[in-house]
C-alpha cells in the first residue's frame, strides 16, 4: 500500500534575498527538524518503493544523504554516496555537470553498483538538474537501472526535470 503524498511545503522556510537580493531560498532544515514531517517524507518514499526490487539507494552529496540513508534503511537495501570530486577513497568513476558559471564533478566508487541493479537516486533539491542527472549517469555507466530519481523539493521554473527525461522523476514539493 502506498501512502498519500504528505504536505511538506508548509514545513519549508523561505528566506528572502538569500544568498543574494532577489533570491528566495527554500530552507529544508525546518522540514528536517519537524519529526512528523520528516518521518512522513521517508515513510511515503519507502511505501512507494517497497516490494519493487530496489537494489540500492543513491544519495547525492550532501543533503541528499539525509533522505537517502533512512530510505535505504527502511527498504533494507544498500546506500551509495555520490560525492564531489576527491572525497571518496577508492577507485571512482566521474561525471561532470554544468554550473551557472563553470563545471563541477561528482564521483561514485567503481564497485558501488552491479550491472542490472535497480536504483533510486535521491537528492534534496532539483534546480537546473545538473547534479541529479550526473548521479543518474554514474549509475547507468556502471550498468545500473535508474528506477526513479527523487528530489524532495523542485524549483520548476529552472526546468531541471526536462534534463532527466526519459528517466522517471518524482518531486514532493514544487515551487513555480
N, C-alpha and C. Protein backbone atom coordinates (compact mmCIF):
# COMPACT_ATOMS: atom_id res chain seq x y z
N UNK A 1 0.83 -1.18 0.00
CA UNK A 1 0.00 0.00 0.00
C UNK A 1 0.88 1.25 0.00
N UNK A 2 0.61 2.16 -0.89
CA UNK A 2 1.35 3.42 -0.95
C UNK A 2 0.58 4.49 -0.19
N UNK A 3 1.27 5.17 0.69
CA UNK A 3 0.66 6.28 1.42
C UNK A 3 0.42 7.44 0.47
N UNK A 4 -0.46 8.35 0.87
CA UNK A 4 -0.65 9.55 0.04
C UNK A 4 0.51 10.51 0.32
N UNK A 5 0.81 11.33 -0.69
CA UNK A 5 1.92 12.28 -0.59
C UNK A 5 1.67 13.25 0.57
N UNK A 6 2.62 13.35 1.50
CA UNK A 6 2.43 14.29 2.60
C UNK A 6 2.56 15.74 2.13
N UNK A 7 1.91 16.65 2.83
CA UNK A 7 2.01 18.08 2.53
C UNK A 7 3.21 18.63 3.30
N UNK A 8 4.34 18.74 2.62
CA UNK A 8 5.57 19.18 3.26
C UNK A 8 5.86 20.66 3.06
N UNK A 9 5.18 21.29 2.13
CA UNK A 9 5.51 22.67 1.77
C UNK A 9 5.44 23.61 2.97
N UNK A 10 4.46 23.41 3.83
CA UNK A 10 4.29 24.30 4.98
C UNK A 10 5.44 24.17 5.98
N UNK A 11 6.24 23.12 5.87
CA UNK A 11 7.36 22.93 6.79
C UNK A 11 8.67 23.48 6.25
N UNK A 12 8.65 24.02 5.04
CA UNK A 12 9.87 24.56 4.42
C UNK A 12 9.88 26.07 4.58
N UNK A 13 10.95 26.56 5.18
CA UNK A 13 11.08 28.00 5.43
C UNK A 13 11.63 28.69 4.18
N UNK A 14 11.05 29.83 3.84
CA UNK A 14 11.56 30.63 2.73
C UNK A 14 12.29 31.84 3.29
N UNK A 15 13.51 32.06 2.79
CA UNK A 15 14.32 33.17 3.27
C UNK A 15 14.55 34.12 2.10
N UNK A 16 13.91 35.30 2.16
CA UNK A 16 14.06 36.24 1.05
C UNK A 16 15.48 36.82 0.98
N UNK A 17 15.90 37.10 -0.24
CA UNK A 17 17.18 37.76 -0.50
C UNK A 17 18.39 37.00 0.03
N UNK A 18 18.31 35.66 -0.03
CA UNK A 18 19.46 34.82 0.34
C UNK A 18 19.70 33.82 -0.78
N UNK A 19 20.88 33.63 -1.22
CA UNK A 19 22.15 34.20 -0.76
C UNK A 19 22.45 35.58 -1.34
N UNK A 20 21.54 36.08 -2.20
CA UNK A 20 21.72 37.44 -2.74
C UNK A 20 20.35 38.04 -3.01
N UNK A 21 20.29 39.35 -3.18
CA UNK A 21 19.00 40.00 -3.43
C UNK A 21 18.26 39.39 -4.62
N UNK A 22 16.94 39.22 -4.43
CA UNK A 22 16.11 38.68 -5.49
C UNK A 22 15.91 37.17 -5.43
N UNK A 23 16.73 36.48 -4.64
CA UNK A 23 16.60 35.02 -4.50
C UNK A 23 15.77 34.73 -3.26
N UNK A 24 14.83 33.80 -3.39
CA UNK A 24 14.04 33.34 -2.25
C UNK A 24 14.48 31.92 -1.94
N UNK A 25 15.36 31.77 -0.95
CA UNK A 25 15.97 30.48 -0.61
C UNK A 25 14.95 29.59 0.08
N UNK A 26 14.88 28.34 -0.35
CA UNK A 26 13.99 27.35 0.25
C UNK A 26 14.82 26.50 1.22
N UNK A 27 14.57 26.67 2.50
CA UNK A 27 15.36 26.06 3.57
C UNK A 27 14.67 24.80 4.09
N UNK A 28 15.27 23.64 3.79
CA UNK A 28 14.67 22.37 4.22
C UNK A 28 15.01 22.01 5.66
N UNK A 29 15.87 22.79 6.32
CA UNK A 29 16.23 22.42 7.70
C UNK A 29 15.00 22.45 8.61
N UNK A 30 14.02 23.26 8.28
CA UNK A 30 12.80 23.29 9.09
C UNK A 30 11.96 22.02 8.87
N UNK A 31 11.98 21.47 7.67
CA UNK A 31 11.33 20.17 7.42
C UNK A 31 12.04 19.09 8.23
N UNK A 32 13.37 19.11 8.21
CA UNK A 32 14.15 18.10 8.92
C UNK A 32 13.96 18.17 10.42
N UNK A 33 13.75 19.36 10.96
CA UNK A 33 13.60 19.49 12.41
C UNK A 33 12.18 19.19 12.89
N UNK A 34 11.26 19.02 11.95
CA UNK A 34 9.89 18.67 12.27
C UNK A 34 9.78 17.14 12.21
N UNK A 35 9.77 16.45 13.35
CA UNK A 35 9.82 14.99 13.33
C UNK A 35 8.67 14.33 12.57
N UNK A 36 7.49 14.94 12.63
CA UNK A 36 6.35 14.37 11.92
C UNK A 36 6.54 14.50 10.41
N UNK A 37 6.93 15.66 9.95
CA UNK A 37 7.11 15.89 8.51
C UNK A 37 8.24 15.02 7.96
N UNK A 38 9.36 14.97 8.66
CA UNK A 38 10.49 14.17 8.20
C UNK A 38 10.11 12.69 8.13
N UNK A 39 9.45 12.20 9.16
CA UNK A 39 9.01 10.80 9.18
C UNK A 39 8.02 10.52 8.05
N UNK A 40 7.06 11.42 7.83
CA UNK A 40 6.09 11.24 6.74
C UNK A 40 6.78 11.23 5.38
N UNK A 41 7.76 12.07 5.21
CA UNK A 41 8.52 12.12 3.95
C UNK A 41 9.18 10.76 3.68
N UNK A 42 9.89 10.25 4.65
CA UNK A 42 10.59 8.96 4.47
C UNK A 42 9.59 7.82 4.35
N UNK A 43 8.54 7.82 5.14
CA UNK A 43 7.54 6.75 5.07
C UNK A 43 6.84 6.74 3.71
N UNK A 44 6.55 7.91 3.17
CA UNK A 44 5.93 7.97 1.85
C UNK A 44 6.86 7.35 0.80
N UNK A 45 8.11 7.76 0.80
CA UNK A 45 9.05 7.21 -0.19
C UNK A 45 9.22 5.71 -0.01
N UNK A 46 9.36 5.25 1.22
CA UNK A 46 9.52 3.81 1.47
C UNK A 46 8.30 3.04 0.98
N UNK A 47 7.10 3.56 1.22
CA UNK A 47 5.90 2.85 0.77
C UNK A 47 5.81 2.84 -0.76
N UNK A 48 6.35 3.87 -1.39
CA UNK A 48 6.33 3.96 -2.86
C UNK A 48 7.19 2.87 -3.50
N UNK A 49 8.33 2.55 -2.86
CA UNK A 49 9.29 1.62 -3.46
C UNK A 49 9.32 0.23 -2.84
N UNK A 50 8.67 0.06 -1.72
CA UNK A 50 8.67 -1.25 -1.06
C UNK A 50 8.07 -2.30 -2.00
N UNK A 51 8.74 -3.44 -2.11
CA UNK A 51 8.26 -4.52 -2.95
C UNK A 51 8.55 -4.35 -4.44
N UNK A 52 9.38 -3.37 -4.80
CA UNK A 52 9.67 -3.12 -6.20
C UNK A 52 11.07 -3.55 -6.63
N UNK A 53 11.71 -4.42 -5.92
CA UNK A 53 13.02 -4.96 -6.31
C UNK A 53 14.09 -3.88 -6.41
N UNK A 54 14.08 -2.94 -5.48
CA UNK A 54 15.13 -1.93 -5.40
C UNK A 54 16.38 -2.59 -4.84
N UNK A 55 17.52 -2.36 -5.48
CA UNK A 55 18.79 -2.92 -5.04
C UNK A 55 19.58 -1.95 -4.18
N UNK A 56 19.57 -0.67 -4.57
CA UNK A 56 20.37 0.34 -3.86
C UNK A 56 19.64 1.68 -3.91
N UNK A 57 19.96 2.52 -2.93
CA UNK A 57 19.54 3.91 -2.94
C UNK A 57 20.81 4.74 -3.03
N UNK A 58 20.86 5.63 -4.01
CA UNK A 58 21.99 6.53 -4.20
C UNK A 58 21.63 7.88 -3.61
N UNK A 59 22.49 8.39 -2.74
CA UNK A 59 22.29 9.71 -2.16
C UNK A 59 23.32 10.68 -2.71
N UNK A 60 22.85 11.85 -3.13
CA UNK A 60 23.72 12.86 -3.72
C UNK A 60 24.19 13.83 -2.62
N UNK A 61 25.50 14.07 -2.58
CA UNK A 61 26.09 14.96 -1.59
C UNK A 61 25.45 16.33 -1.63
N UNK A 62 25.27 16.91 -0.53
CA UNK A 62 25.37 16.32 0.79
C UNK A 62 24.00 16.13 1.41
N UNK A 63 23.07 17.00 1.07
CA UNK A 63 21.75 16.89 1.71
C UNK A 63 20.93 15.73 1.17
N UNK A 64 21.28 15.21 0.01
CA UNK A 64 20.61 14.01 -0.48
C UNK A 64 20.84 12.83 0.45
N UNK A 65 22.01 12.82 1.14
CA UNK A 65 22.30 11.75 2.10
C UNK A 65 21.25 11.70 3.20
N UNK A 66 20.77 12.87 3.61
CA UNK A 66 19.84 12.96 4.73
C UNK A 66 18.57 12.18 4.44
N UNK A 67 18.13 12.18 3.19
CA UNK A 67 16.90 11.48 2.81
C UNK A 67 17.19 10.07 2.31
N UNK A 68 18.31 9.88 1.65
CA UNK A 68 18.65 8.57 1.08
C UNK A 68 18.96 7.53 2.15
N UNK A 69 19.66 7.93 3.20
CA UNK A 69 20.05 6.96 4.24
C UNK A 69 18.85 6.32 4.94
N UNK A 70 17.90 7.10 5.45
CA UNK A 70 16.76 6.44 6.10
C UNK A 70 15.89 5.68 5.10
N UNK A 71 15.85 6.12 3.84
CA UNK A 71 15.09 5.39 2.83
C UNK A 71 15.73 4.03 2.58
N UNK A 72 17.04 4.00 2.41
CA UNK A 72 17.74 2.72 2.22
C UNK A 72 17.52 1.80 3.41
N UNK A 73 17.59 2.35 4.60
CA UNK A 73 17.36 1.58 5.82
C UNK A 73 15.96 0.97 5.82
N UNK A 74 14.96 1.80 5.52
CA UNK A 74 13.57 1.32 5.50
C UNK A 74 13.34 0.24 4.46
N UNK A 75 14.04 0.34 3.33
CA UNK A 75 13.87 -0.65 2.26
C UNK A 75 14.76 -1.88 2.46
N UNK A 76 15.70 -1.80 3.39
CA UNK A 76 16.60 -2.92 3.64
C UNK A 76 17.60 -3.12 2.50
N UNK A 77 18.05 -2.01 1.89
CA UNK A 77 19.00 -2.08 0.78
C UNK A 77 20.22 -1.22 1.09
N UNK A 78 21.24 -1.33 0.25
CA UNK A 78 22.46 -0.56 0.44
C UNK A 78 22.30 0.90 0.07
N UNK A 79 23.16 1.71 0.67
CA UNK A 79 23.23 3.14 0.40
C UNK A 79 24.53 3.43 -0.34
N UNK A 80 24.45 4.16 -1.43
CA UNK A 80 25.63 4.52 -2.22
C UNK A 80 25.75 6.04 -2.25
N UNK A 81 26.89 6.57 -1.79
CA UNK A 81 27.08 8.02 -1.88
C UNK A 81 27.62 8.46 -3.23
N UNK A 82 27.11 9.57 -3.73
CA UNK A 82 27.70 10.28 -4.86
C UNK A 82 28.24 11.56 -4.26
N UNK A 83 29.57 11.77 -4.44
CA UNK A 83 30.23 12.89 -3.77
C UNK A 83 30.96 13.78 -4.75
N UNK A 84 31.31 14.95 -4.28
CA UNK A 84 32.15 15.87 -5.06
C UNK A 84 33.51 15.20 -5.30
N UNK A 85 34.15 15.59 -6.37
CA UNK A 85 35.44 15.03 -6.77
C UNK A 85 36.45 15.09 -5.62
N UNK A 86 37.14 13.95 -5.41
CA UNK A 86 38.20 13.90 -4.42
C UNK A 86 37.78 13.52 -3.02
N UNK A 87 36.50 13.22 -2.79
CA UNK A 87 36.01 12.93 -1.44
C UNK A 87 35.91 11.43 -1.13
N UNK A 88 35.90 10.58 -2.17
CA UNK A 88 35.78 9.14 -1.95
C UNK A 88 37.16 8.48 -2.03
N UNK A 89 37.43 7.50 -1.15
CA UNK A 89 38.78 6.97 -1.02
C UNK A 89 39.20 5.91 -2.05
N UNK A 90 38.27 5.16 -2.60
CA UNK A 90 38.64 4.07 -3.52
C UNK A 90 38.52 4.55 -4.97
N UNK A 91 38.80 3.63 -5.90
CA UNK A 91 38.73 3.98 -7.32
C UNK A 91 37.31 4.42 -7.69
N UNK A 92 37.21 5.49 -8.47
CA UNK A 92 35.92 6.09 -8.78
C UNK A 92 35.73 6.31 -10.28
N UNK A 93 34.46 6.44 -10.65
CA UNK A 93 34.12 6.99 -11.96
C UNK A 93 33.63 8.41 -11.70
N UNK A 94 33.74 9.26 -12.73
CA UNK A 94 33.39 10.66 -12.58
C UNK A 94 32.40 11.10 -13.64
N UNK A 95 31.64 12.13 -13.29
CA UNK A 95 30.74 12.75 -14.26
C UNK A 95 30.76 14.26 -14.01
N UNK A 96 30.99 15.01 -15.08
CA UNK A 96 30.95 16.47 -15.00
C UNK A 96 29.51 16.94 -15.19
N UNK A 97 29.23 18.12 -14.64
CA UNK A 97 27.94 18.76 -14.88
C UNK A 97 28.15 20.27 -14.86
N UNK A 98 27.25 20.97 -15.53
CA UNK A 98 27.36 22.42 -15.66
C UNK A 98 26.83 23.14 -14.44
N UNK A 99 27.56 24.16 -14.05
CA UNK A 99 27.12 25.10 -13.05
C UNK A 99 26.72 26.39 -13.77
N UNK A 100 26.20 27.34 -13.03
CA UNK A 100 25.82 28.60 -13.65
C UNK A 100 27.02 29.25 -14.36
N UNK A 101 28.19 29.20 -13.70
CA UNK A 101 29.40 29.78 -14.29
C UNK A 101 30.55 28.79 -14.17
N UNK A 102 30.47 27.65 -14.84
CA UNK A 102 31.56 26.70 -14.79
C UNK A 102 31.08 25.27 -14.81
N UNK A 103 31.97 24.39 -14.37
CA UNK A 103 31.72 22.95 -14.38
C UNK A 103 32.14 22.38 -13.04
N UNK A 104 31.42 21.39 -12.55
CA UNK A 104 31.80 20.66 -11.35
C UNK A 104 31.78 19.18 -11.68
N UNK A 105 32.27 18.37 -10.75
CA UNK A 105 32.38 16.93 -10.98
C UNK A 105 31.89 16.18 -9.75
N UNK A 106 31.13 15.11 -9.99
CA UNK A 106 30.76 14.19 -8.92
C UNK A 106 31.35 12.82 -9.23
N UNK A 107 31.49 12.02 -8.16
CA UNK A 107 32.10 10.70 -8.29
C UNK A 107 31.29 9.64 -7.55
N UNK A 108 31.52 8.40 -7.98
CA UNK A 108 30.94 7.24 -7.32
C UNK A 108 32.01 6.14 -7.36
N UNK A 109 32.08 5.34 -6.31
CA UNK A 109 33.02 4.22 -6.34
C UNK A 109 32.68 3.27 -7.50
N UNK A 110 33.72 2.76 -8.15
CA UNK A 110 33.55 1.87 -9.32
C UNK A 110 32.80 0.59 -8.99
N UNK A 111 32.87 0.16 -7.73
CA UNK A 111 32.23 -1.10 -7.35
C UNK A 111 30.91 -0.89 -6.59
N UNK A 112 30.35 0.31 -6.66
CA UNK A 112 29.16 0.64 -5.87
C UNK A 112 27.87 0.03 -6.43
N UNK A 113 27.80 -0.13 -7.74
CA UNK A 113 26.61 -0.62 -8.41
C UNK A 113 27.00 -1.78 -9.31
N UNK A 114 26.25 -2.85 -9.25
CA UNK A 114 26.47 -4.01 -10.13
C UNK A 114 25.55 -3.88 -11.35
N UNK A 115 25.99 -4.39 -12.50
CA UNK A 115 25.13 -4.35 -13.69
C UNK A 115 23.76 -4.99 -13.39
N UNK A 116 22.70 -4.30 -13.82
CA UNK A 116 21.34 -4.79 -13.65
C UNK A 116 20.69 -4.41 -12.34
N UNK A 117 21.44 -3.83 -11.39
CA UNK A 117 20.81 -3.44 -10.13
C UNK A 117 19.84 -2.29 -10.35
N UNK A 118 18.70 -2.36 -9.65
CA UNK A 118 17.68 -1.32 -9.71
C UNK A 118 17.96 -0.28 -8.62
N UNK A 119 18.01 0.98 -9.04
CA UNK A 119 18.49 2.04 -8.16
C UNK A 119 17.50 3.20 -8.11
N UNK A 120 17.34 3.76 -6.91
CA UNK A 120 16.62 5.02 -6.71
C UNK A 120 17.69 6.06 -6.40
N UNK A 121 17.67 7.19 -7.09
CA UNK A 121 18.64 8.27 -6.89
C UNK A 121 17.93 9.41 -6.17
N UNK A 122 18.49 9.85 -5.03
CA UNK A 122 17.81 10.82 -4.16
C UNK A 122 18.66 12.06 -3.93
N UNK A 123 18.04 13.22 -4.08
CA UNK A 123 18.66 14.48 -3.69
C UNK A 123 17.61 15.32 -2.97
N UNK A 124 18.06 16.36 -2.30
CA UNK A 124 17.11 17.20 -1.57
C UNK A 124 16.37 18.14 -2.50
N UNK A 125 17.09 18.74 -3.46
CA UNK A 125 16.52 19.76 -4.33
C UNK A 125 16.94 19.52 -5.77
N UNK A 126 16.02 19.74 -6.70
CA UNK A 126 16.40 19.81 -8.11
C UNK A 126 16.15 21.25 -8.56
N UNK A 127 17.21 21.85 -9.08
CA UNK A 127 17.11 23.20 -9.65
C UNK A 127 17.29 23.05 -11.16
N UNK A 128 18.50 23.20 -11.65
CA UNK A 128 18.74 23.06 -13.09
C UNK A 128 18.90 21.60 -13.50
N UNK A 129 19.05 20.71 -12.55
CA UNK A 129 19.09 19.28 -12.83
C UNK A 129 20.47 18.69 -13.01
N UNK A 130 21.50 19.50 -13.04
CA UNK A 130 22.85 19.02 -13.34
C UNK A 130 23.35 17.93 -12.42
N UNK A 131 23.24 18.12 -11.13
CA UNK A 131 23.77 17.15 -10.17
C UNK A 131 23.00 15.84 -10.23
N UNK A 132 21.69 15.92 -10.28
CA UNK A 132 20.87 14.71 -10.31
C UNK A 132 21.08 13.93 -11.60
N UNK A 133 21.18 14.62 -12.72
CA UNK A 133 21.46 13.96 -13.99
C UNK A 133 22.82 13.28 -13.94
N UNK A 134 23.83 13.97 -13.41
CA UNK A 134 25.17 13.39 -13.32
C UNK A 134 25.16 12.12 -12.47
N UNK A 135 24.43 12.14 -11.35
CA UNK A 135 24.33 10.95 -10.50
C UNK A 135 23.68 9.80 -11.25
N UNK A 136 22.62 10.08 -12.00
CA UNK A 136 21.96 9.04 -12.80
C UNK A 136 22.91 8.48 -13.85
N UNK A 137 23.69 9.34 -14.46
CA UNK A 137 24.65 8.89 -15.48
C UNK A 137 25.71 7.98 -14.88
N UNK A 138 26.13 8.25 -13.65
CA UNK A 138 27.11 7.38 -12.98
C UNK A 138 26.51 5.99 -12.75
N UNK A 139 25.27 5.95 -12.28
CA UNK A 139 24.58 4.67 -12.07
C UNK A 139 24.53 3.89 -13.38
N UNK A 140 24.14 4.56 -14.45
CA UNK A 140 23.99 3.91 -15.75
C UNK A 140 25.33 3.48 -16.33
N UNK A 141 26.38 4.26 -16.08
CA UNK A 141 27.72 3.89 -16.56
C UNK A 141 28.18 2.57 -15.95
N UNK A 142 27.77 2.31 -14.71
CA UNK A 142 28.12 1.05 -14.05
C UNK A 142 27.14 -0.07 -14.38
N UNK A 143 26.16 0.19 -15.22
CA UNK A 143 25.22 -0.84 -15.64
C UNK A 143 23.96 -0.92 -14.79
N UNK A 144 23.80 0.01 -13.86
CA UNK A 144 22.59 0.03 -13.04
C UNK A 144 21.42 0.62 -13.80
N UNK A 145 20.22 0.36 -13.29
CA UNK A 145 18.99 0.86 -13.87
C UNK A 145 18.39 1.89 -12.91
N UNK A 146 18.23 3.12 -13.38
CA UNK A 146 17.61 4.16 -12.56
C UNK A 146 16.10 3.94 -12.62
N UNK A 147 15.55 3.38 -11.55
CA UNK A 147 14.11 3.15 -11.48
C UNK A 147 13.37 4.48 -11.40
N UNK A 148 13.93 5.40 -10.61
CA UNK A 148 13.35 6.73 -10.47
C UNK A 148 14.38 7.60 -9.77
N UNK A 149 14.37 8.87 -10.09
CA UNK A 149 15.14 9.84 -9.32
C UNK A 149 14.14 10.68 -8.54
N UNK A 150 14.58 11.11 -7.36
CA UNK A 150 13.69 11.80 -6.43
C UNK A 150 14.36 13.07 -5.91
N UNK A 151 13.59 14.14 -5.87
CA UNK A 151 14.01 15.35 -5.17
C UNK A 151 12.87 15.73 -4.24
N UNK A 152 13.19 16.02 -3.02
CA UNK A 152 12.15 16.43 -2.09
C UNK A 152 11.54 17.75 -2.55
N UNK A 153 12.37 18.66 -3.05
CA UNK A 153 11.93 19.98 -3.45
C UNK A 153 12.34 20.24 -4.90
N UNK A 154 11.43 20.75 -5.71
CA UNK A 154 11.71 21.05 -7.11
C UNK A 154 11.45 22.53 -7.40
N UNK A 155 12.45 23.18 -7.97
CA UNK A 155 12.29 24.55 -8.46
C UNK A 155 11.90 24.46 -9.93
N UNK A 156 10.59 24.36 -10.18
CA UNK A 156 10.07 24.07 -11.52
C UNK A 156 10.50 25.10 -12.56
N UNK A 157 10.62 26.35 -12.16
CA UNK A 157 10.94 27.41 -13.11
C UNK A 157 12.34 27.26 -13.72
N UNK A 158 13.19 26.41 -13.14
CA UNK A 158 14.52 26.17 -13.70
C UNK A 158 14.56 24.96 -14.64
N UNK A 159 13.43 24.23 -14.72
CA UNK A 159 13.23 23.16 -15.70
C UNK A 159 14.24 22.02 -15.64
N UNK A 160 14.74 21.71 -14.46
CA UNK A 160 15.69 20.61 -14.31
C UNK A 160 15.10 19.26 -14.65
N UNK A 161 13.81 19.11 -14.42
CA UNK A 161 13.11 17.84 -14.70
C UNK A 161 13.31 17.40 -16.15
N UNK A 162 13.30 18.36 -17.07
CA UNK A 162 13.40 18.02 -18.50
C UNK A 162 14.73 17.34 -18.84
N UNK A 163 15.78 17.65 -18.09
CA UNK A 163 17.10 17.05 -18.35
C UNK A 163 17.16 15.59 -17.91
N UNK A 164 16.27 15.19 -17.04
CA UNK A 164 16.25 13.80 -16.55
C UNK A 164 15.55 12.85 -17.51
N UNK A 165 14.71 13.40 -18.38
CA UNK A 165 13.93 12.56 -19.30
C UNK A 165 14.87 11.68 -20.13
N UNK A 166 14.47 10.45 -20.40
CA UNK A 166 13.18 9.81 -20.14
C UNK A 166 13.11 9.08 -18.80
N UNK A 167 14.06 9.29 -17.92
CA UNK A 167 14.05 8.62 -16.62
C UNK A 167 12.85 9.10 -15.80
N UNK A 168 12.20 8.21 -15.07
CA UNK A 168 11.11 8.62 -14.17
C UNK A 168 11.65 9.55 -13.08
N UNK A 169 10.84 10.53 -12.71
CA UNK A 169 11.26 11.52 -11.71
C UNK A 169 10.08 11.85 -10.80
N UNK A 170 10.38 12.03 -9.51
CA UNK A 170 9.38 12.41 -8.52
C UNK A 170 9.91 13.59 -7.72
N UNK A 171 9.08 14.60 -7.55
CA UNK A 171 9.36 15.66 -6.59
C UNK A 171 8.18 15.72 -5.63
N UNK A 172 8.49 16.01 -4.38
CA UNK A 172 7.45 16.02 -3.36
C UNK A 172 6.87 17.41 -3.10
N UNK A 173 7.67 18.45 -3.33
CA UNK A 173 7.23 19.84 -3.17
C UNK A 173 7.72 20.61 -4.38
N UNK A 174 6.82 21.40 -4.97
CA UNK A 174 7.18 22.16 -6.16
C UNK A 174 7.01 23.66 -5.91
N UNK A 175 7.96 24.42 -6.45
CA UNK A 175 7.87 25.88 -6.45
C UNK A 175 7.94 26.33 -7.89
N UNK A 176 6.99 27.18 -8.29
CA UNK A 176 6.96 27.67 -9.68
C UNK A 176 7.67 28.98 -9.82
